[in-house]
Protein backbone atom coordinates (compact mmCIF):
# COMPACT_ATOMS: atom_id res chain seq x y z
CA UNK A 1 0.00 0.00 0.00
CA UNK A 2 2.93 2.33 0.58
CA UNK A 3 3.70 4.57 -2.33
CA UNK A 4 0.16 4.54 -3.69
CA UNK A 5 -1.16 8.08 -4.12
CA UNK A 6 -4.11 8.99 -1.94
CA UNK A 7 -7.14 10.05 -3.92
CA UNK A 8 -9.61 12.42 -2.39
CA UNK A 9 -9.41 14.85 0.46
CA UNK A 10 -10.96 12.71 3.21
CA UNK A 11 -7.99 10.35 3.80
CA UNK A 12 -5.59 13.30 3.91
CA UNK A 13 -7.77 15.07 6.48
CA UNK A 14 -7.89 11.94 8.63
CA UNK A 15 -4.09 11.51 8.47
CA UNK A 16 -3.49 15.13 9.44
CA UNK A 17 -6.04 14.97 12.27
CA UNK A 18 -4.36 11.84 13.64
CA UNK A 19 -1.01 13.61 13.53
CA UNK A 20 -2.43 16.65 15.33
CA UNK A 21 -4.03 14.43 17.98
CA UNK A 22 -0.70 12.66 18.62
CA UNK A 23 1.13 15.99 18.83
CA UNK A 24 -1.48 17.33 21.24
CA UNK A 25 -1.22 14.25 23.45
CA UNK A 26 2.58 14.51 23.46
CA UNK A 27 2.39 18.18 24.42
CA UNK A 28 -0.15 17.63 27.19
CA UNK A 29 1.84 14.70 28.59
CA UNK A 30 5.05 16.77 28.51
CA UNK A 31 3.29 19.61 30.35
CA UNK A 32 2.00 17.17 32.98
CA UNK A 33 5.51 15.74 33.33
CA UNK A 34 6.95 19.23 33.94
CA UNK A 35 4.42 19.73 36.72
CA UNK A 36 4.80 16.35 38.45
CA UNK A 37 8.20 14.98 37.30
CA UNK A 38 6.71 11.51 36.99
CA UNK A 39 9.01 9.48 34.74
CA UNK A 40 6.14 7.46 33.33
CA UNK A 41 4.62 10.67 31.98
CA UNK A 42 7.95 11.52 30.37
CA UNK A 43 8.27 8.15 28.63
CA UNK A 44 4.66 8.33 27.48
CA UNK A 45 5.18 11.85 26.10
CA UNK A 46 8.26 10.68 24.18
CA UNK A 47 6.30 7.71 22.86
CA UNK A 48 3.51 9.97 21.60
CA UNK A 49 6.15 12.18 20.00
CA UNK A 50 7.35 9.18 18.00
CA UNK A 51 3.73 8.37 17.10
CA UNK A 52 3.29 11.95 15.85
CA UNK A 53 6.44 11.48 13.77
CA UNK A 54 4.95 8.24 12.44
CA UNK A 55 1.80 10.09 11.38
CA UNK A 56 3.87 12.84 9.78
CA UNK A 57 5.76 10.24 7.78
CA UNK A 58 2.44 8.66 6.79
CA UNK A 59 1.24 11.98 5.37
CA UNK A 60 4.56 12.47 3.61
CA UNK A 61 4.54 8.92 2.24
CA UNK A 62 0.98 8.69 0.96
CA UNK A 63 0.12 12.30 0.17
CA UNK A 64 3.19 14.45 -0.49
CA UNK A 65 5.85 12.08 -1.84
CA UNK A 66 3.72 9.34 -3.38
CA UNK A 67 6.63 8.08 -5.50
CA UNK A 68 8.94 7.53 -2.52
CA UNK A 69 8.54 4.53 -0.24
CA UNK A 70 8.83 5.71 3.39
CA UNK A 71 7.47 2.49 4.90
CA UNK A 72 10.76 1.50 6.60
CA UNK A 73 10.96 4.89 8.30
CA UNK A 74 7.33 4.69 9.36
CA UNK A 75 7.90 1.25 10.83
CA UNK A 76 11.05 2.45 12.61
CA UNK A 77 9.22 5.37 14.21
CA UNK A 78 6.35 3.11 15.31
CA UNK A 79 8.85 0.63 16.74
CA UNK A 80 10.64 3.39 18.63
CA UNK A 81 7.29 4.56 20.04
CA UNK A 82 6.43 1.09 21.32
CA UNK A 83 9.97 0.44 22.59
CA UNK A 84 10.02 3.75 24.46
CA UNK A 85 6.69 3.07 26.09
CA UNK A 86 7.68 -0.48 27.07
CA UNK A 87 10.99 0.74 28.47
CA UNK A 88 9.16 3.34 30.54
CA UNK A 89 6.72 0.76 31.88
CA UNK A 90 9.49 -1.69 32.78
CA UNK A 91 11.69 0.99 34.32
CA UNK A 92 8.87 2.37 36.46
CA UNK A 93 8.01 -1.09 37.80
CA UNK A 94 11.55 -1.51 39.14
CA UNK A 95 11.36 1.64 41.27
């Protein structure tokens, strides 16, 4: 599916809204972390930052640069998001 141009405005709007939602979550989690200094909030904010990057790469891959295959970069950013969140969960359990 990667590299196929997106036809119509609706899928593009959905991709951009998902990216904005991830960015908003990352920002709100970072603000809560600054107030409480809870490490779990920090790791979750970083994870949502990687998810926002993943959504940005999705828009770039399917809408802007339809000829370029960005799937490996999208998968890497999603993997980093999951790995960051898992690391935060495991690290917080130890303390």
